[in-house]
């Protein structure tokens, strides 16, 4: 009997390829391996074969039978929801029993179990609206996908579903927002401390109450907010960045934390726009590799420092991408010795350097004394 689940048949007998529904059925019968084989064979053409309604129907069916998300370890969303409801059912008693912490943990598990599928569903709806010429609906759902966590700007810009939208200002804005979301995730990744060692950095810098600090290239505020806590209400941290999306993040987090001593401000890529003698510390962590002319840029930093002020630079040691596939690309890498020469040409001298960071150099510079 020919193998009707194999479009090639067996031996010399070649059967007609089953329809999409038949392929899905056979994939489910054959288990995970069969499903993967089906997805590999049809992923490139499924949008062309199925109508919009068929796609949504198939997604819903597969979600319902548990095929989508079958790789997820642990209990599924329904089981998690049941446990979550049980954890919060006690109401105020949860404060005493500790069930609130358990409920929070379960809620986070529910997010982890469903978030990616939710994002992909929103993105798929945006694609379908775009293919059907419904521009506004496409943008609305794309905006929702990005808000939910879609962060692949490259995928979005190359997606043929949005080919007619690529020149739209709104499409470019949304693509930029997707980039910002991905950059946020990169800066706030859970394993960043494996190489960043921020507590040790902050301990070495020993910020004082009342200190005035500029965090240039502040990003999401990874260092901004711990420094703001260290300098206290009499100090100030200027969180500077060239990306307006990062300024939005900084302002949001400043309000969410109810912090009064952080001031976020957008600056240009070639001028930090510092007030004369207004700072005790200028901090550039994983930022100066973006600067094309570091000596010229450093000359604009120097007047911003008060007497005895310091410039702190932490950046990546050169390594080939084969050894470190993250971090700055080769054309943005440079050794500490080169940076020391560039800072010297701008009027700085090395005050102190540290070598405890596994991937980065860590140097403190101060202004040269004239005539020495």
Protein backbone atom coordinates (compact mmCIF):
# COMPACT_ATOMS: atom_id res chain seq x y z
CA UNK A 1 0.00 0.00 0.00
CA UNK A 2 1.47 3.37 -0.88
CA UNK A 3 2.44 5.73 1.91
CA UNK A 4 -0.17 8.47 1.59
CA UNK A 5 1.66 10.57 4.17
CA UNK A 6 4.68 10.77 1.84
CA UNK A 7 4.16 12.87 -1.30
CA UNK A 8 6.85 10.80 -3.00
CA UNK A 9 5.16 7.47 -2.26
CA UNK A 10 7.25 4.32 -1.88
CA UNK A 11 9.42 2.56 -4.43
CA UNK A 12 8.41 3.45 -7.98
CA UNK A 13 4.88 4.29 -6.94
CA UNK A 14 4.39 8.07 -6.82
CA UNK A 15 1.19 9.32 -5.22
CA UNK A 16 -0.26 12.76 -5.49
CA UNK A 17 0.79 15.10 -2.75
CA UNK A 18 -1.92 15.38 -0.09
CA UNK A 19 -3.60 18.72 0.51
CA UNK A 20 -2.66 21.04 3.32
CA UNK A 21 -5.22 19.50 5.66
CA UNK A 22 -3.94 16.03 4.81
CA UNK A 23 -0.35 17.08 5.36
CA UNK A 24 -1.22 18.51 8.75
CA UNK A 25 -3.07 15.31 9.67
CA UNK A 26 -0.14 13.15 8.60
CA UNK A 27 2.30 15.39 10.43
CA UNK A 28 0.28 15.03 13.61
CA UNK A 29 0.13 11.24 13.14
CA UNK A 30 3.87 11.02 12.57
CA UNK A 31 4.59 13.09 15.66
CA UNK A 32 7.06 15.90 16.15
CA UNK A 33 9.43 14.77 13.40
CA UNK A 34 6.59 14.66 10.93
CA UNK A 35 5.41 18.09 11.96
CA UNK A 36 8.87 19.57 11.52
CA UNK A 37 9.17 17.96 8.10
CA UNK A 38 5.82 19.43 7.10
CA UNK A 39 6.73 22.91 8.33
CA UNK A 40 10.06 22.83 6.51
CA UNK A 41 8.37 21.76 3.27
CA UNK A 42 5.56 24.31 3.38
CA UNK A 43 6.78 27.35 5.32
CA UNK A 44 8.01 29.14 2.20
CA UNK A 45 4.71 28.83 0.36
CA UNK A 46 1.96 28.59 2.97
CA UNK A 47 0.90 32.24 2.65
CA UNK A 48 0.52 31.81 -1.11
CA UNK A 49 -1.47 28.58 -0.77
CA UNK A 50 -3.84 29.48 2.00
CA UNK A 51 -6.30 32.33 2.11
CA UNK A 52 -6.26 34.75 5.00
CA UNK A 53 -9.13 32.93 6.69
CA UNK A 54 -7.46 29.55 6.21
CA UNK A 55 -4.26 30.75 7.87
CA UNK A 56 -6.05 32.04 10.92
CA UNK A 57 -8.15 28.84 11.08
CA UNK A 58 -5.10 26.58 10.88
CA UNK A 59 -3.27 28.60 13.54
CA UNK A 60 -6.26 28.40 15.86
CA UNK A 61 -6.69 24.66 15.26
CA UNK A 62 -3.03 23.92 15.86
CA UNK A 63 -3.00 26.07 18.98
CA UNK A 64 -6.10 24.28 20.24
CA UNK A 65 -4.68 20.78 19.77
CA UNK A 66 -1.37 21.83 21.26
CA UNK A 67 0.88 21.54 18.21
CA UNK A 68 1.98 25.18 18.45
CA UNK A 69 4.05 25.58 21.57
CA UNK A 70 4.66 21.83 21.96
CA UNK A 71 8.36 22.53 22.62
CA UNK A 72 7.49 24.54 25.76
CA UNK A 73 8.68 22.79 28.89
CA UNK A 74 6.50 22.56 31.98
CA UNK A 75 2.75 23.04 32.29
CA UNK A 76 0.80 24.68 29.49
CA UNK A 77 -1.02 28.02 29.70
CA UNK A 78 -4.31 26.45 30.81
CA UNK A 79 -2.69 24.57 33.70
CA UNK A 80 -0.74 27.66 34.69
CA UNK A 81 -3.93 29.73 34.64
CA UNK A 82 -5.63 27.23 36.97
CA UNK A 83 -2.71 27.35 39.38
CA UNK A 84 -2.63 31.13 39.16
CA UNK A 85 -6.33 31.43 39.99
CA UNK A 86 -5.83 29.15 42.98
CA UNK A 87 -2.88 31.22 44.16
CA UNK A 88 -4.78 34.52 44.16
CA UNK A 89 -8.18 33.20 45.28
CA UNK A 90 -7.37 33.78 48.94
CA UNK A 91 -7.34 37.56 48.34
CA UNK A 92 -5.87 39.51 51.25
CA UNK A 93 -4.83 36.27 52.90
CA UNK A 94 -2.22 35.89 50.16
CA UNK A 95 -0.19 38.61 51.85
CA UNK A 96 0.15 36.36 54.88
CA UNK A 97 0.52 33.03 53.14
CA UNK A 98 3.07 34.12 50.54
CA UNK A 99 0.78 33.12 47.67
CA UNK A 100 1.20 36.53 46.05
CA UNK A 101 4.82 35.68 45.23
CA UNK A 102 3.69 32.33 43.87
CA UNK A 103 0.96 34.00 41.83
CA UNK A 104 3.49 36.44 40.41
CA UNK A 105 5.81 33.59 39.46
CA UNK A 106 2.95 31.74 37.77
CA UNK A 107 1.87 34.88 35.92
CA UNK A 108 5.42 35.29 34.60
CA UNK A 109 5.38 31.66 33.47
CA UNK A 110 2.09 32.29 31.68
CA UNK A 111 3.69 35.22 29.84
CA UNK A 112 6.70 33.11 28.87
CA UNK A 113 4.43 30.30 27.62
CA UNK A 114 2.23 32.52 25.44
CA UNK A 115 4.14 35.69 24.62
CA UNK A 116 5.95 34.61 21.47
CA UNK A 117 2.85 33.04 19.92
CA UNK A 118 0.88 36.19 20.72
CA UNK A 119 3.52 38.36 19.05
CA UNK A 120 3.64 36.11 15.98
CA UNK A 121 -0.15 36.10 15.70
CA UNK A 122 -0.27 39.91 15.76
CA UNK A 123 2.52 40.09 13.18
CA UNK A 124 0.73 37.54 10.95
CA UNK A 125 -2.47 39.61 11.07
CA UNK A 126 -0.47 42.71 10.13
CA UNK A 127 1.05 40.81 7.19
CA UNK A 128 -2.33 39.66 5.97
CA UNK A 129 -3.86 43.12 6.15
CA UNK A 130 -0.86 44.48 4.23
CA UNK A 131 -1.23 41.82 1.52
CA UNK A 132 -4.92 42.63 1.24
CA UNK A 133 -4.17 46.32 0.80
CA UNK A 134 -5.56 47.34 4.19
CA UNK A 135 -2.78 49.72 5.11
CA UNK A 136 -4.28 51.25 8.25
CA UNK A 137 -5.16 47.87 9.77
CA UNK A 138 -1.71 46.56 8.88
CA UNK A 139 -0.10 49.44 10.73
CA UNK A 140 -2.41 49.10 13.73
CA UNK A 141 -1.57 45.41 14.17
CA UNK A 142 2.10 45.95 13.46
CA UNK A 143 2.12 48.61 16.16
CA UNK A 144 0.48 46.13 18.53
CA UNK A 145 3.06 43.46 17.64
CA UNK A 146 5.93 45.81 18.41
CA UNK A 147 4.27 46.90 21.63
CA UNK A 148 3.95 43.23 22.59
CA UNK A 149 7.64 42.64 21.96
CA UNK A 150 8.33 42.18 18.24
CA UNK A 151 11.94 43.32 17.81
CA UNK A 152 13.23 42.01 14.47
CA UNK A 153 13.71 45.13 12.38
CA UNK A 154 15.61 43.22 9.69
CA UNK A 155 12.77 40.75 9.22
CA UNK A 156 10.25 43.59 9.04
CA UNK A 157 12.20 45.61 6.48
CA UNK A 158 12.75 42.58 4.24
CA UNK A 159 9.20 41.21 4.51
CA UNK A 160 7.58 41.29 1.06
CA UNK A 161 4.17 41.62 2.68
CA UNK A 162 5.13 45.21 3.51
CA UNK A 163 6.86 45.98 0.20
CA UNK A 164 4.35 48.72 -0.65
CA UNK A 165 4.82 50.33 2.77
CA UNK A 166 8.58 50.63 2.91
CA UNK A 167 8.70 54.26 1.80
CA UNK A 168 6.04 55.35 4.28
CA UNK A 169 7.26 57.49 7.16
CA UNK A 170 5.05 55.51 9.51
CA UNK A 171 6.60 52.22 8.40
CA UNK A 172 10.08 53.63 9.01
CA UNK A 173 9.00 54.84 12.43
CA UNK A 174 7.65 51.42 13.34
CA UNK A 175 10.80 49.73 12.05
CA UNK A 176 12.82 52.07 14.23
CA UNK A 177 10.63 51.17 17.21
CA UNK A 178 11.27 47.48 16.54
CA UNK A 179 15.00 48.21 16.57
CA UNK A 180 14.65 50.08 19.86
CA UNK A 181 12.80 47.15 21.39
CA UNK A 182 15.57 44.79 20.32
CA UNK A 183 18.25 47.16 21.60
CA UNK A 184 16.44 47.40 24.94
CA UNK A 185 16.41 43.60 25.19
CA UNK A 186 20.12 43.50 24.35
CA UNK A 187 21.08 46.08 26.99
CA UNK A 188 18.84 44.53 29.63
CA UNK A 189 19.64 40.88 28.85
CA UNK A 190 19.75 38.71 32.00
CA UNK A 191 23.31 37.48 31.39
CA UNK A 192 24.86 40.92 30.82
CA UNK A 193 26.37 40.85 34.30
CA UNK A 194 28.51 37.88 33.27
CA UNK A 195 30.76 40.36 31.48
CA UNK A 196 29.65 43.76 32.79
CA UNK A 197 30.16 43.27 36.55
CA UNK A 198 28.41 46.55 37.35
CA UNK A 199 28.64 46.24 41.16
CA UNK A 200 32.43 46.01 40.91
CA UNK A 201 32.53 48.96 38.51
CA UNK A 202 30.41 51.11 40.81
CA UNK A 203 32.51 50.11 43.80
CA UNK A 204 35.69 51.11 41.94
CA UNK A 205 34.23 54.50 40.97
CA UNK A 206 32.92 55.22 44.49
CA UNK A 207 30.45 57.96 43.56
CA UNK A 208 29.94 60.53 46.31
CA UNK A 209 26.70 62.18 47.46
CA UNK A 210 26.23 65.41 45.54
CA UNK A 211 28.35 64.33 42.57
CA UNK A 212 27.39 65.60 39.12
CA UNK A 213 27.60 62.90 36.46
CA UNK A 214 26.99 62.65 32.73
CA UNK A 215 26.20 59.15 31.47
CA UNK A 216 26.87 59.49 27.73
CA UNK A 217 25.26 56.75 25.68
CA UNK A 218 22.99 56.00 28.63
CA UNK A 219 20.77 53.65 26.62
CA UNK A 220 18.15 52.14 28.93
CA UNK A 221 19.75 53.54 32.08
CA UNK A 222 21.58 50.36 33.04
CA UNK A 223 24.16 52.44 34.92
CA UNK A 224 22.21 55.70 35.15
CA UNK A 225 19.86 54.66 37.92
CA UNK A 226 22.38 52.92 40.21
CA UNK A 227 24.59 56.01 39.91
CA UNK A 228 21.61 58.28 40.67
CA UNK A 229 21.05 56.33 43.86
CA UNK A 230 24.73 56.63 44.79
CA UNK A 231 24.94 60.42 44.28
CA UNK A 232 21.68 60.96 46.15
CA UNK A 233 19.17 63.79 45.99
CA UNK A 234 21.89 66.46 46.09
CA UNK A 235 23.59 64.98 43.05
CA UNK A 236 22.45 64.72 39.44
CA UNK A 237 22.91 62.30 36.56
CA UNK A 238 22.53 63.61 33.03
CA UNK A 239 21.44 60.64 30.91
CA UNK A 240 22.50 61.55 27.38
CA UNK A 241 21.84 59.58 24.21
CA UNK A 242 21.60 60.21 20.48
CA UNK A 243 18.55 57.94 20.01
CA UNK A 244 15.18 59.55 20.79
CA UNK A 245 13.77 56.08 21.51
CA UNK A 246 16.29 55.66 24.34
CA UNK A 247 15.37 59.08 25.72
CA UNK A 248 11.74 57.92 25.79
CA UNK A 249 12.79 54.81 27.72
CA UNK A 250 14.87 56.86 30.16
CA UNK A 251 12.09 59.34 30.80
CA UNK A 252 9.57 56.54 31.30
CA UNK A 253 11.80 54.70 33.76
CA UNK A 254 12.63 57.92 35.59
CA UNK A 255 8.92 58.55 36.16
CA UNK A 256 8.22 54.90 37.00
CA UNK A 257 10.96 54.96 39.65
CA UNK A 258 9.92 58.40 40.88
CA UNK A 259 13.53 59.57 40.59
CA UNK A 260 14.14 63.31 40.74
CA UNK A 261 17.88 63.48 40.08
CA UNK A 262 18.01 61.93 36.57
CA UNK A 263 17.77 64.29 33.60
CA UNK A 264 17.45 62.63 30.18
CA UNK A 265 18.47 64.62 27.12
CA UNK A 266 19.02 63.88 23.45
CA UNK A 267 22.39 65.02 22.08
CA UNK A 268 24.03 64.92 18.67
CA UNK A 269 26.47 62.19 17.71
CA UNK A 270 29.43 64.56 17.47
CA UNK A 271 28.79 66.89 20.40
CA UNK A 272 27.75 65.98 23.97
CA UNK A 273 26.73 69.59 24.59
CA UNK A 274 28.10 69.85 28.15
CA UNK A 275 28.00 73.01 30.22
CA UNK A 276 31.46 74.40 31.14
CA UNK A 277 32.77 72.96 34.41
CA UNK A 278 29.39 71.40 35.16
CA UNK A 279 30.45 67.80 35.81
CA UNK A 280 32.55 65.82 38.24
CA UNK A 281 32.40 62.58 36.24
CA UNK A 282 31.77 61.82 32.58
CA UNK A 283 30.94 58.18 31.97
CA UNK A 284 31.05 56.37 28.62
CA UNK A 285 30.34 52.65 28.92
CA UNK A 286 30.13 50.65 25.68
CA UNK A 287 29.63 53.95 23.89
CA UNK A 288 32.84 55.48 22.58
CA UNK A 289 33.28 52.78 19.92
CA UNK A 290 30.39 54.47 18.09
CA UNK A 291 32.38 57.74 17.87
CA UNK A 292 34.25 58.11 14.59
CA UNK A 293 36.72 60.83 15.63
CA UNK A 294 37.40 60.11 19.29
CA UNK A 295 40.07 62.77 19.78
CA UNK A 296 37.85 65.57 18.45
CA UNK A 297 34.96 64.30 20.54
CA UNK A 298 37.11 64.11 23.69
CA UNK A 299 38.18 67.73 23.20
CA UNK A 300 34.51 68.64 23.60
CA UNK A 301 34.32 66.60 26.81
CA UNK A 302 37.25 68.30 28.50
CA UNK A 303 35.62 71.73 29.12
CA UNK A 304 32.63 70.05 30.72
CA UNK A 305 34.69 68.74 33.63
CA UNK A 306 35.12 70.70 36.83
CA UNK A 307 38.67 70.91 38.26
CA UNK A 308 39.70 67.44 39.38
CA UNK A 309 36.95 65.84 37.31
CA UNK A 310 37.33 62.47 35.64
CA UNK A 311 36.43 60.80 32.34
CA UNK A 312 35.58 57.10 32.68
CA UNK A 313 35.68 54.92 29.56
CA UNK A 314 34.80 51.24 29.46
CA UNK A 315 34.73 49.48 26.11
CA UNK A 316 35.46 46.17 24.45
CA UNK A 317 38.92 44.79 23.84
CA UNK A 318 39.44 43.77 20.21
CA UNK A 319 38.39 40.23 19.36
CA UNK A 320 37.39 38.54 16.11
CA UNK A 321 33.67 37.95 15.65
CA UNK A 322 34.35 34.21 15.53
CA UNK A 323 35.39 34.40 19.20
CA UNK A 324 32.83 37.00 20.29
CA UNK A 325 29.83 37.17 17.96
CA UNK A 326 28.29 40.02 19.97
CA UNK A 327 29.62 43.46 20.82
CA UNK A 328 31.03 46.02 18.38
CA UNK A 329 31.99 44.89 14.86
CA UNK A 330 35.70 44.74 13.94
CA UNK A 331 35.74 48.23 12.38
CA UNK A 332 34.63 49.74 15.72
CA UNK A 333 37.15 47.90 17.87
CA UNK A 334 40.43 49.36 19.11
CA UNK A 335 42.99 48.53 21.83
CA UNK A 336 43.31 50.48 25.06
CA UNK A 337 46.74 51.77 24.01
CA UNK A 338 45.23 53.46 20.96
CA UNK A 339 42.53 55.05 23.10
CA UNK A 340 45.16 56.33 25.54
CA UNK A 341 46.97 58.08 22.69
CA UNK A 342 43.76 59.60 21.36
CA UNK A 343 42.77 60.87 24.80
CA UNK A 344 46.26 62.29 25.35
CA UNK A 345 45.95 64.24 22.10
CA UNK A 346 42.69 65.69 23.45
CA UNK A 347 44.29 66.83 26.73
CA UNK A 348 43.68 63.87 29.03
CA UNK A 349 46.03 61.59 30.95
CA UNK A 350 45.46 58.17 32.49
CA UNK A 351 44.63 58.43 36.17
CA UNK A 352 43.90 54.77 36.80
CA UNK A 353 42.98 51.62 34.92
CA UNK A 354 41.45 48.29 35.90
CA UNK A 355 41.68 44.89 34.29
CA UNK A 356 39.09 42.81 36.16
CA UNK A 357 36.48 42.93 33.40
CA UNK A 358 36.60 39.78 31.23
CA UNK A 359 35.85 41.48 27.88
CA UNK A 360 36.48 45.20 28.39
CA UNK A 361 39.14 47.68 29.36
CA UNK A 362 38.29 50.19 32.10
CA UNK A 363 40.20 53.47 32.21
CA UNK A 364 39.83 56.65 34.26
CA UNK A 365 41.27 59.79 32.68
CA UNK A 366 41.72 63.27 34.06
CA UNK A 367 42.79 66.56 32.54
CA UNK A 368 46.47 67.14 31.96
CA UNK A 369 48.02 69.90 34.01
CA UNK A 370 49.19 72.64 31.60
CA UNK A 371 52.96 72.72 31.24
CA UNK A 372 53.47 69.19 32.57
